[in-house]
């Protein structure tokens, strides 16, 4: 299982950074959306 996971990371290394940026931006949008009602 570990070798399959390692092979998956090696194959998708080019898009790994883009995926991480996408996940981080979604988390920022989620946190902002949850805090928005308390600001208004």
N, C-alpha and C. Protein backbone atom coordinates (compact mmCIF):
# COMPACT_ATOMS: atom_id res chain seq x y z
N UNK A 1 0.83 -1.19 0.00
CA UNK A 1 0.00 0.00 0.00
C UNK A 1 0.88 1.25 0.00
N UNK A 2 1.95 1.22 0.77
CA UNK A 2 2.84 2.38 0.82
C UNK A 2 3.51 2.62 -0.53
N UNK A 3 3.87 1.55 -1.23
CA UNK A 3 4.50 1.72 -2.54
C UNK A 3 3.51 2.30 -3.55
N UNK A 4 2.25 1.91 -3.45
CA UNK A 4 1.23 2.47 -4.34
C UNK A 4 1.04 3.96 -4.05
N UNK A 5 1.04 4.31 -2.77
CA UNK A 5 0.89 5.72 -2.40
C UNK A 5 2.09 6.53 -2.88
N UNK A 6 3.28 5.98 -2.74
CA UNK A 6 4.48 6.67 -3.20
C UNK A 6 4.48 6.84 -4.72
N UNK A 7 4.03 5.81 -5.44
CA UNK A 7 3.95 5.90 -6.90
C UNK A 7 2.92 6.94 -7.31
N UNK A 8 1.84 7.03 -6.57
CA UNK A 8 0.80 8.03 -6.86
C UNK A 8 1.35 9.44 -6.69
N UNK A 9 2.13 9.65 -5.65
CA UNK A 9 2.72 10.98 -5.42
C UNK A 9 3.71 11.32 -6.52
N UNK A 10 4.50 10.34 -6.94
CA UNK A 10 5.49 10.60 -7.99
C UNK A 10 4.79 10.94 -9.31
N UNK A 11 3.70 10.24 -9.61
CA UNK A 11 2.98 10.51 -10.86
C UNK A 11 2.30 11.87 -10.85
N UNK A 12 1.78 12.27 -9.70
CA UNK A 12 1.01 13.52 -9.65
C UNK A 12 1.80 14.66 -9.02
N UNK A 13 3.11 14.59 -9.08
CA UNK A 13 3.93 15.61 -8.45
C UNK A 13 3.75 16.98 -9.11
N UNK A 14 3.46 17.00 -10.39
CA UNK A 14 3.32 18.27 -11.11
C UNK A 14 2.10 19.04 -10.64
N UNK A 15 1.03 18.36 -10.31
CA UNK A 15 -0.20 19.05 -9.91
C UNK A 15 -0.39 19.08 -8.40
N UNK A 16 0.56 18.53 -7.66
CA UNK A 16 0.41 18.47 -6.20
C UNK A 16 0.38 19.87 -5.59
N UNK A 17 1.23 20.76 -6.06
CA UNK A 17 1.26 22.13 -5.53
C UNK A 17 -0.03 22.87 -5.87
N UNK A 18 -0.52 22.69 -7.09
CA UNK A 18 -1.77 23.34 -7.47
C UNK A 18 -2.93 22.83 -6.64
N UNK A 19 -2.96 21.54 -6.36
CA UNK A 19 -4.02 20.98 -5.53
C UNK A 19 -3.94 21.52 -4.11
N UNK A 20 -2.73 21.66 -3.58
CA UNK A 20 -2.57 22.19 -2.22
C UNK A 20 -3.03 23.64 -2.15
N UNK A 21 -2.73 24.42 -3.18
CA UNK A 21 -3.19 25.81 -3.22
C UNK A 21 -4.71 25.86 -3.30
N UNK A 22 -5.29 24.98 -4.07
CA UNK A 22 -6.75 24.92 -4.18
C UNK A 22 -7.41 24.56 -2.87
N UNK A 23 -6.86 23.60 -2.16
CA UNK A 23 -7.41 23.20 -0.86
C UNK A 23 -7.28 24.35 0.14
N UNK A 24 -6.14 25.03 0.13
CA UNK A 24 -5.95 26.15 1.05
C UNK A 24 -6.94 27.28 0.75
N UNK A 25 -7.18 27.56 -0.52
CA UNK A 25 -8.11 28.63 -0.86
C UNK A 25 -9.55 28.25 -0.48
N UNK A 26 -9.90 26.97 -0.64
CA UNK A 26 -11.24 26.54 -0.22
C UNK A 26 -11.40 26.65 1.30
N UNK A 27 -10.36 26.35 2.03
CA UNK A 27 -10.43 26.48 3.49
C UNK A 27 -10.58 27.95 3.91
N UNK A 28 -9.89 28.85 3.21
CA UNK A 28 -10.03 30.28 3.51
C UNK A 28 -11.45 30.74 3.22
N UNK A 29 -12.01 30.30 2.11
CA UNK A 29 -13.39 30.68 1.77
C UNK A 29 -14.36 30.13 2.80
N UNK A 30 -14.13 28.89 3.26
CA UNK A 30 -15.01 28.28 4.26
C UNK A 30 -14.96 29.04 5.58
N UNK A 31 -13.76 29.36 6.05
CA UNK A 31 -13.62 30.07 7.31
C UNK A 31 -14.21 31.47 7.20
N UNK A 32 -13.97 32.14 6.09
CA UNK A 32 -14.53 33.48 5.90
C UNK A 32 -16.07 33.41 5.85
N UNK A 33 -16.61 32.40 5.19
CA UNK A 33 -18.05 32.26 5.11
C UNK A 33 -18.67 31.96 6.46
N UNK A 34 -17.99 31.22 7.29
CA UNK A 34 -18.52 30.91 8.62
C UNK A 34 -18.41 32.11 9.57
N UNK A 35 -17.43 32.97 9.38
CA UNK A 35 -17.27 34.12 10.25
C UNK A 35 -18.03 35.35 9.76
N UNK A 36 -18.49 35.32 8.53
CA UNK A 36 -19.15 36.48 7.94
C UNK A 36 -20.43 36.88 8.70
N UNK A 37 -21.29 35.95 9.10
CA UNK A 37 -22.50 36.38 9.83
C UNK A 37 -22.23 37.13 11.13
N UNK A 38 -21.13 36.82 11.81
CA UNK A 38 -20.83 37.51 13.05
C UNK A 38 -20.30 38.92 12.81
N UNK A 39 -19.83 39.21 11.61
CA UNK A 39 -19.30 40.53 11.28
C UNK A 39 -20.38 41.51 10.84
N UNK A 40 -21.48 40.96 10.36
CA UNK A 40 -22.56 41.83 9.85
C UNK A 40 -23.49 42.25 10.95
